[in-house]
C-alpha atoms as a PDB file:
ATOM      1  CA  UNK A   1      18.505 -39.677 172.777  1.00  0.00           C
ATOM      2  CA  UNK A   2      21.106 -39.231 175.734  1.00  0.00           C
ATOM      3  CA  UNK A   3      20.748 -35.952 178.029  1.00  0.00           C
ATOM      4  CA  UNK A   4      19.844 -33.784 175.103  1.00  0.00           C
ATOM      5  CA  UNK A   5      22.158 -35.424 172.483  1.00  0.00           C
ATOM      6  CA  UNK A   6      20.888 -37.780 169.749  1.00  0.00           C
ATOM      7  CA  UNK A   7      22.948 -40.773 169.373  1.00  0.00           C
ATOM      8  CA  UNK A   8      22.893 -42.137 166.102  1.00  0.00           C
ATOM      9  CA  UNK A   9      23.402 -45.978 167.143  1.00  0.00           C
ATOM     10  CA  UNK A  10      20.279 -45.723 168.940  1.00  0.00           C
ATOM     11  CA  UNK A  11      18.132 -45.302 165.919  1.00  0.00           C
ATOM     12  CA  UNK A  12      16.310 -48.217 164.076  1.00  0.00           C
ATOM     13  CA  UNK A  13      17.457 -48.758 160.765  1.00  0.00           C
ATOM     14  CA  UNK A  14      14.569 -47.704 159.048  1.00  0.00           C
ATOM     15  CA  UNK A  15      14.492 -44.793 161.378  1.00  0.00           C
ATOM     16  CA  UNK A  16      17.713 -43.233 160.515  1.00  0.00           C
ATOM     17  CA  UNK A  17      17.387 -43.822 156.794  1.00  0.00           C
ATOM     18  CA  UNK A  18      14.513 -41.512 156.778  1.00  0.00           C
ATOM     19  CA  UNK A  19      16.731 -39.090 159.080  1.00  0.00           C
ATOM     20  CA  UNK A  20      19.560 -39.362 156.628  1.00  0.00           C
ATOM     21  CA  UNK A  21      16.806 -38.648 153.864  1.00  0.00           C
ATOM     22  CA  UNK A  22      15.778 -35.564 155.387  1.00  0.00           C
ATOM     23  CA  UNK A  23      19.382 -34.129 156.219  1.00  0.00           C
ATOM     24  CA  UNK A  24      20.174 -34.984 152.684  1.00  0.00           C
ATOM     25  CA  UNK A  25      17.344 -33.080 151.345  1.00  0.00           C
ATOM     26  CA  UNK A  26      18.407 -30.053 153.399  1.00  0.00           C
ATOM     27  CA  UNK A  27      21.814 -30.237 151.705  1.00  0.00           C
ATOM     28  CA  UNK A  28      20.346 -29.842 148.483  1.00  0.00           C
ATOM     29  CA  UNK A  29      19.469 -26.528 149.698  1.00  0.00           C
ATOM     30  CA  UNK A  30      23.201 -25.845 150.465  1.00  0.00           C
ATOM     31  CA  UNK A  31      24.234 -24.009 147.320  1.00  0.00           C
ATOM     32  CA  UNK A  32      21.550 -21.613 147.252  1.00  0.00           C
ATOM     33  CA  UNK A  33      21.586 -20.683 150.792  1.00  0.00           C
ATOM     34  CA  UNK A  34      25.242 -20.104 150.286  1.00  0.00           C
ATOM     35  CA  UNK A  35      24.635 -17.514 147.782  1.00  0.00           C
ATOM     36  CA  UNK A  36      22.576 -15.995 150.195  1.00  0.00           C
ATOM     37  CA  UNK A  37      24.901 -15.969 153.010  1.00  0.00           C
ATOM     38  CA  UNK A  38      27.693 -14.701 150.862  1.00  0.00           C
ATOM     39  CA  UNK A  39      25.640 -12.102 149.876  1.00  0.00           C
ATOM     40  CA  UNK A  40      24.572 -11.263 153.178  1.00  0.00           C
ATOM     41  CA  UNK A  41      27.998 -11.497 154.608  1.00  0.00           C
ATOM     42  CA  UNK A  42      29.318  -8.561 152.436  1.00  0.00           C
ATOM     43  CA  UNK A  43      26.429  -6.589 152.981  1.00  0.00           C
ATOM     44  CA  UNK A  44      27.060  -6.636 156.976  1.00  0.00           C
ATOM     45  CA  UNK A  45      30.768  -6.265 155.938  1.00  0.00           C
ATOM     46  CA  UNK A  46      30.262  -3.070 153.905  1.00  0.00           C
ATOM     47  CA  UNK A  47      27.629  -2.154 156.871  1.00  0.00           C
ATOM     48  CA  UNK A  48      30.007  -2.293 159.908  1.00  0.00           C
ATOM     49  CA  UNK A  49      33.711  -2.831 158.228  1.00  0.00           C
ATOM     50  CA  UNK A  50      33.509  -6.440 160.407  1.00  0.00           C
ATOM     51  CA  UNK A  51      33.957  -9.649 158.446  1.00  0.00           C
ATOM     52  CA  UNK A  52      30.633 -11.918 159.812  1.00  0.00           C
ATOM     53  CA  UNK A  53      30.789 -15.723 160.457  1.00  0.00           C
ATOM     54  CA  UNK A  54      27.836 -18.028 160.036  1.00  0.00           C
ATOM     55  CA  UNK A  55      26.780 -18.855 163.863  1.00  0.00           C
ATOM     56  CA  UNK A  56      24.078 -21.000 163.041  1.00  0.00           C
ATOM     57  CA  UNK A  57      22.835 -24.203 162.405  1.00  0.00           C
ATOM     58  CA  UNK A  58      23.242 -23.888 158.589  1.00  0.00           C
ATOM     59  CA  UNK A  59      26.899 -23.354 159.013  1.00  0.00           C
ATOM     60  CA  UNK A  60      27.299 -26.609 161.065  1.00  0.00           C
ATOM     61  CA  UNK A  61      24.350 -28.618 158.908  1.00  0.00           C
ATOM     62  CA  UNK A  62      21.908 -28.469 161.157  1.00  0.00           C
ATOM     63  CA  UNK A  63      19.255 -26.378 159.624  1.00  0.00           C
ATOM     64  CA  UNK A  64      15.533 -27.344 158.713  1.00  0.00           C
ATOM     65  CA  UNK A  65      13.872 -26.026 155.815  1.00  0.00           C
ATOM     66  CA  UNK A  66      12.197 -23.087 158.015  1.00  0.00           C
ATOM     67  CA  UNK A  67      15.752 -22.184 159.213  1.00  0.00           C
ATOM     68  CA  UNK A  68      16.993 -18.794 158.918  1.00  0.00           C
ATOM     69  CA  UNK A  69      20.826 -17.592 158.548  1.00  0.00           C
ATOM     70  CA  UNK A  70      22.678 -16.551 161.290  1.00  0.00           C
ATOM     71  CA  UNK A  71      25.712 -14.255 161.264  1.00  0.00           C
ATOM     72  CA  UNK A  72      27.917 -12.791 163.890  1.00  0.00           C
ATOM     73  CA  UNK A  73      30.777 -10.282 164.378  1.00  0.00           C
ATOM     74  CA  UNK A  74      32.761  -9.234 166.968  1.00  0.00           C
ATOM     75  CA  UNK A  75      32.211  -5.581 167.681  1.00  0.00           C
ATOM     76  CA  UNK A  76      33.933  -3.237 170.527  1.00  0.00           C
ATOM     77  CA  UNK A  77      31.276  -2.455 173.565  1.00  0.00           C
ATOM     78  CA  UNK A  78      32.055   1.102 173.460  1.00  0.00           C
ATOM     79  CA  UNK A  79      31.320   1.187 169.556  1.00  0.00           C
ATOM     80  CA  UNK A  80      27.603  -0.284 170.032  1.00  0.00           C
ATOM     81  CA  UNK A  81      25.995   3.131 169.343  1.00  0.00           C
ATOM     82  CA  UNK A  82      27.654   3.807 166.323  1.00  0.00           C
ATOM     83  CA  UNK A  83      27.023  -0.157 165.279  1.00  0.00           C
ATOM     84  CA  UNK A  84      23.042   0.584 165.904  1.00  0.00           C
ATOM     85  CA  UNK A  85      23.458   4.054 163.794  1.00  0.00           C
ATOM     86  CA  UNK A  86      25.316   2.072 160.807  1.00  0.00           C
ATOM     87  CA  UNK A  87      22.771  -0.670 160.753  1.00  0.00           C
ATOM     88  CA  UNK A  88      19.681   1.255 161.297  1.00  0.00           C
ATOM     89  CA  UNK A  89      19.060   1.914 157.894  1.00  0.00           C
ATOM     90  CA  UNK A  90      19.517  -1.935 156.885  1.00  0.00           C
ATOM     91  CA  UNK A  91      18.612  -4.032 159.645  1.00  0.00           C
ATOM     92  CA  UNK A  92      15.641  -4.134 162.292  1.00  0.00           C
ATOM     93  CA  UNK A  93      17.150  -4.183 165.852  1.00  0.00           C
ATOM     94  CA  UNK A  94      15.751  -7.177 167.547  1.00  0.00           C
ATOM     95  CA  UNK A  95      17.042  -6.490 171.076  1.00  0.00           C
ATOM     96  CA  UNK A  96      19.904  -6.976 173.532  1.00  0.00           C
ATOM     97  CA  UNK A  97      20.796 -10.821 174.673  1.00  0.00           C
ATOM     98  CA  UNK A  98      22.720 -12.263 177.593  1.00  0.00           C
ATOM     99  CA  UNK A  99      25.487 -14.012 175.656  1.00  0.00           C
ATOM    100  CA  UNK A 100      27.500 -14.814 179.204  1.00  0.00           C
ATOM    101  CA  UNK A 101      26.178 -13.690 182.538  1.00  0.00           C
ATOM    102  CA  UNK A 102      28.325 -10.811 182.463  1.00  0.00           C
ATOM    103  CA  UNK A 103      28.281  -9.843 178.480  1.00  0.00           C
ATOM    104  CA  UNK A 104      25.242  -9.034 176.013  1.00  0.00           C
ATOM    105  CA  UNK A 105      25.117  -9.159 172.022  1.00  0.00           C
ATOM    106  CA  UNK A 106      22.984  -7.016 169.910  1.00  0.00           C
ATOM    107  CA  UNK A 107      20.663  -9.109 167.325  1.00  0.00           C
ATOM    108  CA  UNK A 108      19.472  -7.256 164.534  1.00  0.00           C
ATOM    109  CA  UNK A 109      17.500  -8.771 161.616  1.00  0.00           C
ATOM    110  CA  UNK A 110      17.449  -8.210 157.953  1.00  0.00           C
ATOM    111  CA  UNK A 111      16.288  -9.894 154.483  1.00  0.00           C
ATOM    112  CA  UNK A 112      18.138 -11.268 151.466  1.00  0.00           C
ATOM    113  CA  UNK A 113      16.535 -12.719 148.688  1.00  0.00           C
ATOM    114  CA  UNK A 114      13.641 -13.919 150.874  1.00  0.00           C
ATOM    115  CA  UNK A 115      15.837 -15.485 153.409  1.00  0.00           C
ATOM    116  CA  UNK A 116      15.961 -14.024 157.109  1.00  0.00           C
ATOM    117  CA  UNK A 117      19.391 -12.888 158.396  1.00  0.00           C
ATOM    118  CA  UNK A 118      20.103 -12.652 162.150  1.00  0.00           C
ATOM    119  CA  UNK A 119      23.007 -11.077 163.012  1.00  0.00           C
ATOM    120  CA  UNK A 120      24.479 -11.025 166.568  1.00  0.00           C
ATOM    121  CA  UNK A 121      27.318  -8.538 167.640  1.00  0.00           C
ATOM    122  CA  UNK A 122      28.824  -9.968 170.192  1.00  0.00           C
ATOM    123  CA  UNK A 123      31.555  -8.450 172.436  1.00  0.00           C
ATOM    124  CA  UNK A 124      35.291  -9.321 170.638  1.00  0.00           C
ATOM    125  CA  UNK A 125      36.275 -11.638 173.241  1.00  0.00           C
ATOM    126  CA  UNK A 126      32.758 -13.349 172.605  1.00  0.00           C
ATOM    127  CA  UNK A 127      33.211 -13.690 169.112  1.00  0.00           C
ATOM    128  CA  UNK A 128      36.459 -15.573 169.734  1.00  0.00           C
ATOM    129  CA  UNK A 129      34.878 -17.901 171.884  1.00  0.00           C
ATOM    130  CA  UNK A 130      32.125 -18.365 169.513  1.00  0.00           C
ATOM    131  CA  UNK A 131      34.321 -19.470 166.530  1.00  0.00           C
ATOM    132  CA  UNK A 132      36.343 -21.656 168.446  1.00  0.00           C
ATOM    133  CA  UNK A 133      33.192 -23.350 169.824  1.00  0.00           C
ATOM    134  CA  UNK A 134      32.063 -23.778 165.840  1.00  0.00           C
ATOM    135  CA  UNK A 135      35.313 -24.905 164.845  1.00  0.00           C
ATOM    136  CA  UNK A 136      35.028 -27.766 167.323  1.00  0.00           C
ATOM    137  CA  UNK A 137      31.698 -28.513 166.534  1.00  0.00           C
ATOM    138  CA  UNK A 138      32.875 -28.896 162.794  1.00  0.00           C
ATOM    139  CA  UNK A 139      36.028 -31.162 163.789  1.00  0.00           C
ATOM    140  CA  UNK A 140      33.696 -33.067 166.497  1.00  0.00           C
ATOM    141  CA  UNK A 141      30.594 -33.613 165.641  1.00  0.00           C
ATOM    142  CA  UNK A 142      30.082 -36.642 162.770  1.00  0.00           C
ATOM    143  CA  UNK A 143      27.988 -36.530 160.037  1.00  0.00           C
ATOM    144  CA  UNK A 144      25.903 -39.059 161.677  1.00  0.00           C
ATOM    145  CA  UNK A 145      25.339 -37.082 164.592  1.00  0.00           C
ATOM    146  CA  UNK A 146      24.329 -34.046 162.498  1.00  0.00           C
ATOM    147  CA  UNK A 147      21.988 -36.409 160.626  1.00  0.00           C
ATOM    148  CA  UNK A 148      19.999 -37.510 164.150  1.00  0.00           C
ATOM    149  CA  UNK A 149      20.215 -34.321 165.536  1.00  0.00           C
ATOM    150  CA  UNK A 150      18.728 -32.456 162.788  1.00  0.00           C
ATOM    151  CA  UNK A 151      15.878 -35.415 162.567  1.00  0.00           C
ATOM    152  CA  UNK A 152      15.173 -34.988 166.084  1.00  0.00           C
ATOM    153  CA  UNK A 153      14.768 -31.266 165.958  1.00  0.00           C
ATOM    154  CA  UNK A 154      12.572 -31.743 162.776  1.00  0.00           C
ATOM    155  CA  UNK A 155      10.353 -34.103 164.691  1.00  0.00           C
ATOM    156  CA  UNK A 156       9.857 -31.942 167.801  1.00  0.00           C
ATOM    157  CA  UNK A 157       8.881 -29.046 165.320  1.00  0.00           C
ATOM    158  CA  UNK A 158       6.815 -31.186 163.289  1.00  0.00           C
ATOM    159  CA  UNK A 159       4.687 -32.543 166.620  1.00  0.00           C
ATOM    160  CA  UNK A 160       4.502 -28.770 168.095  1.00  0.00           C
ATOM    161  CA  UNK A 161       6.719 -29.403 171.047  1.00  0.00           C
ATOM    162  CA  UNK A 162       7.967 -25.572 170.748  1.00  0.00           C
ATOM    163  CA  UNK A 163      10.026 -25.328 174.028  1.00  0.00           C
ATOM    164  CA  UNK A 164      11.613 -29.002 173.627  1.00  0.00           C
ATOM    165  CA  UNK A 165      12.154 -27.509 169.999  1.00  0.00           C
ATOM    166  CA  UNK A 166      13.757 -24.439 171.144  1.00  0.00           C
ATOM    167  CA  UNK A 167      16.141 -26.401 174.017  1.00  0.00           C
ATOM    168  CA  UNK A 168      17.177 -28.510 171.386  1.00  0.00           C
ATOM    169  CA  UNK A 169      18.372 -25.982 168.913  1.00  0.00           C
ATOM    170  CA  UNK A 170      20.860 -25.148 171.590  1.00  0.00           C
ATOM    171  CA  UNK A 171      22.242 -28.438 172.736  1.00  0.00           C
ATOM    172  CA  UNK A 172      24.922 -28.941 170.239  1.00  0.00           C
ATOM    173  CA  UNK A 173      26.042 -25.102 171.209  1.00  0.00           C
ATOM    174  CA  UNK A 174      25.761 -25.728 174.585  1.00  0.00           C
ATOM    175  CA  UNK A 175      27.370 -29.084 174.424  1.00  0.00           C
ATOM    176  CA  UNK A 176      30.375 -27.665 172.881  1.00  0.00           C
ATOM    177  CA  UNK A 177      30.494 -24.298 174.895  1.00  0.00           C
ATOM    178  CA  UNK A 178      28.756 -24.341 178.185  1.00  0.00           C
ATOM    179  CA  UNK A 179      30.268 -21.271 179.445  1.00  0.00           C
ATOM    180  CA  UNK A 180      27.691 -19.236 177.096  1.00  0.00           C
ATOM    181  CA  UNK A 181      24.160 -18.555 178.411  1.00  0.00           C
ATOM    182  CA  UNK A 182      22.028 -20.810 176.054  1.00  0.00           C
ATOM    183  CA  UNK A 183      18.741 -19.841 177.307  1.00  0.00           C
ATOM    184  CA  UNK A 184      16.004 -21.181 174.652  1.00  0.00           C
ATOM    185  CA  UNK A 185      14.232 -18.421 172.780  1.00  0.00           C
ATOM    186  CA  UNK A 186      10.503 -19.998 172.255  1.00  0.00           C
ATOM    187  CA  UNK A 187       8.910 -19.051 168.803  1.00  0.00           C
ATOM    188  CA  UNK A 188       5.550 -17.682 168.633  1.00  0.00           C
ATOM    189  CA  UNK A 189       2.720 -20.108 168.663  1.00  0.00           C
END
């Protein structure tokens, strides 16, 4: 690892083989998770009138077997009360979190076919930035980097290093979008 980044070439051959096997096992779940994501996206669009995008680890192929799905929408700040009312019958409000130092997003949660879905309602401007970042990750991060990053993430979680795991989950996003406020949210112990 180099400053929060997994360098595939630094892995021993056997270690990278284990990492690749683990990553391929995650990809075996892609078809099922794509169906769930499609269903969740349709629900979000019907509830909010806004088309969501996958803004989480599954969308960039860095998910673990325990990962939820993360969707994001751009929504006018002036309409947040309306949004909260529209989502209240369908999703639990998890809170308001900083996205940049001057902007926040609203975070909601609901379940589809046994998979937790987190929905972030970002400002419209922040949603554009997030989409740009995801496009850059998609084109800039190699398959080998995805494998290495996912493996390190798995090892941190498996060894109970929760704070390091929480920070590692955000490493890719902060590398490609340093202007966002990437503060790790630790999972309950």
